Amino acid sequence: MAQSEETTSKKMKKTTEHGSILMTIENLYRKCELRRDLKSTNEAKTAASPRNFDNMQLSGENALF
């Protein structure tokens, strides 16, 4: 019986971890959707993709969009 409770506890913990990960992903997705909606379509069309991904300044600026 103790082993059954331990197994159930482990399964519950794993399910909780997966749920937390999924909620985090959904939250990030919603934030990205909101930012995309706020950004004008003209800005999106004129924004150049960074060619040098090692340039931290450009990476930071693009992350803000």
C-alpha atoms as a PDB file:
ATOM      1  CA  MET A   1       0.000   0.000   0.000  1.00  0.00           C
ATOM      2  CA  ALA A   2       2.868   2.367   0.789  1.00  0.00           C
ATOM      3  CA  GLN A   3       4.426   1.647  -2.595  1.00  0.00           C
ATOM      4  CA  SER A   4       1.106   2.361  -4.304  1.00  0.00           C
ATOM      5  CA  GLU A   5       0.885   5.740  -2.557  1.00  0.00           C
ATOM      6  CA  GLU A   6       4.467   6.522  -3.544  1.00  0.00           C
ATOM      7  CA  THR A   7       3.767   5.645  -7.185  1.00  0.00           C
ATOM      8  CA  THR A   8       0.619   7.773  -7.162  1.00  0.00           C
ATOM      9  CA  SER A   9       2.542  10.643  -5.610  1.00  0.00           C
ATOM     10  CA  LYS A  10       5.250  10.445  -8.295  1.00  0.00           C
ATOM     11  CA  LYS A  11       2.672  10.377 -11.087  1.00  0.00           C
ATOM     12  CA  MET A  12       0.866  13.370  -9.574  1.00  0.00           C
ATOM     13  CA  LYS A  13       4.122  15.312  -9.292  1.00  0.00           C
ATOM     14  CA  LYS A  14       5.000  14.596 -12.934  1.00  0.00           C
ATOM     15  CA  THR A  15       1.513  15.614 -14.071  1.00  0.00           C
ATOM     16  CA  THR A  16       1.805  18.848 -12.090  1.00  0.00           C
ATOM     17  CA  GLU A  17       5.189  19.597 -13.677  1.00  0.00           C
ATOM     18  CA  HIS A  18       3.792  19.002 -17.167  1.00  0.00           C
ATOM     19  CA  GLY A  19       0.812  21.228 -16.402  1.00  0.00           C
ATOM     20  CA  SER A  20       3.095  24.023 -15.211  1.00  0.00           C
ATOM     21  CA  ILE A  21       5.181  23.761 -18.377  1.00  0.00           C
ATOM     22  CA  LEU A  22       2.086  23.867 -20.589  1.00  0.00           C
ATOM     23  CA  MET A  23       0.679  26.884 -18.740  1.00  0.00           C
ATOM     24  CA  THR A  24       4.028  28.690 -19.105  1.00  0.00           C
ATOM     25  CA  ILE A  25       4.111  27.989 -22.840  1.00  0.00           C
ATOM     26  CA  GLU A  26       0.537  29.212 -23.237  1.00  0.00           C
ATOM     27  CA  ASN A  27       1.318  32.364 -21.259  1.00  0.00           C
ATOM     28  CA  LEU A  28       4.339  33.146 -23.454  1.00  0.00           C
ATOM     29  CA  TYR A  29       2.297  32.476 -26.590  1.00  0.00           C
ATOM     30  CA  ARG A  30      -0.438  34.868 -25.452  1.00  0.00           C
ATOM     31  CA  LYS A  31       2.142  37.575 -24.690  1.00  0.00           C
ATOM     32  CA  CYS A  32       3.647  37.153 -28.167  1.00  0.00           C
ATOM     33  CA  GLU A  33       0.197  37.346 -29.746  1.00  0.00           C
ATOM     34  CA  LEU A  34      -0.583  40.519 -27.800  1.00  0.00           C
ATOM     35  CA  ARG A  35       2.675  42.153 -28.839  1.00  0.00           C
ATOM     36  CA  ARG A  36       2.130  41.172 -32.466  1.00  0.00           C
ATOM     37  CA  ASP A  37      -1.333  42.746 -32.346  1.00  0.00           C
ATOM     38  CA  LEU A  38       0.088  45.937 -30.854  1.00  0.00           C
ATOM     39  CA  LYS A  39       2.839  46.225 -33.431  1.00  0.00           C
ATOM     40  CA  SER A  40       1.736  47.900 -36.630  1.00  0.00           C
ATOM     41  CA  THR A  41       1.852  45.892 -39.822  1.00  0.00           C
ATOM     42  CA  ASN A  42       4.134  48.502 -41.406  1.00  0.00           C
ATOM     43  CA  GLU A  43       6.706  48.015 -38.653  1.00  0.00           C
ATOM     44  CA  ALA A  44       6.534  44.283 -39.103  1.00  0.00           C
ATOM     45  CA  LYS A  45       7.153  44.591 -42.838  1.00  0.00           C
ATOM     46  CA  THR A  46      10.056  47.043 -42.508  1.00  0.00           C
ATOM     47  CA  ALA A  47      11.762  45.362 -39.574  1.00  0.00           C
ATOM     48  CA  ALA A  48      14.893  43.648 -40.822  1.00  0.00           C
ATOM     49  CA  SER A  49      15.809  40.247 -39.516  1.00  0.00           C
ATOM     50  CA  PRO A  50      19.154  40.212 -37.748  1.00  0.00           C
ATOM     51  CA  ARG A  51      21.850  38.578 -39.831  1.00  0.00           C
ATOM     52  CA  ASN A  52      24.316  38.363 -36.968  1.00  0.00           C
ATOM     53  CA  PHE A  53      22.669  36.581 -34.077  1.00  0.00           C
ATOM     54  CA  ASP A  54      25.761  37.121 -31.923  1.00  0.00           C
ATOM     55  CA  ASN A  55      25.129  40.869 -31.858  1.00  0.00           C
ATOM     56  CA  MET A  56      23.525  41.310 -28.454  1.00  0.00           C
ATOM     57  CA  GLN A  57      22.290  44.842 -29.205  1.00  0.00           C
ATOM     58  CA  LEU A  58      20.223  43.709 -32.203  1.00  0.00           C
ATOM     59  CA  SER A  59      19.007  40.628 -30.363  1.00  0.00           C
ATOM     60  CA  GLY A  60      17.770  42.787 -27.489  1.00  0.00           C
ATOM     61  CA  GLU A  61      15.999  45.212 -29.791  1.00  0.00           C
ATOM     62  CA  ASN A  62      14.258  42.389 -31.677  1.00  0.00           C
ATOM     63  CA  ALA A  63      13.252  40.699 -28.430  1.00  0.00           C
ATOM     64  CA  LEU A  64      11.335  43.817 -27.432  1.00  0.00           C
ATOM     65  CA  PHE A  65       9.015  43.455 -30.420  1.00  0.00           C
END
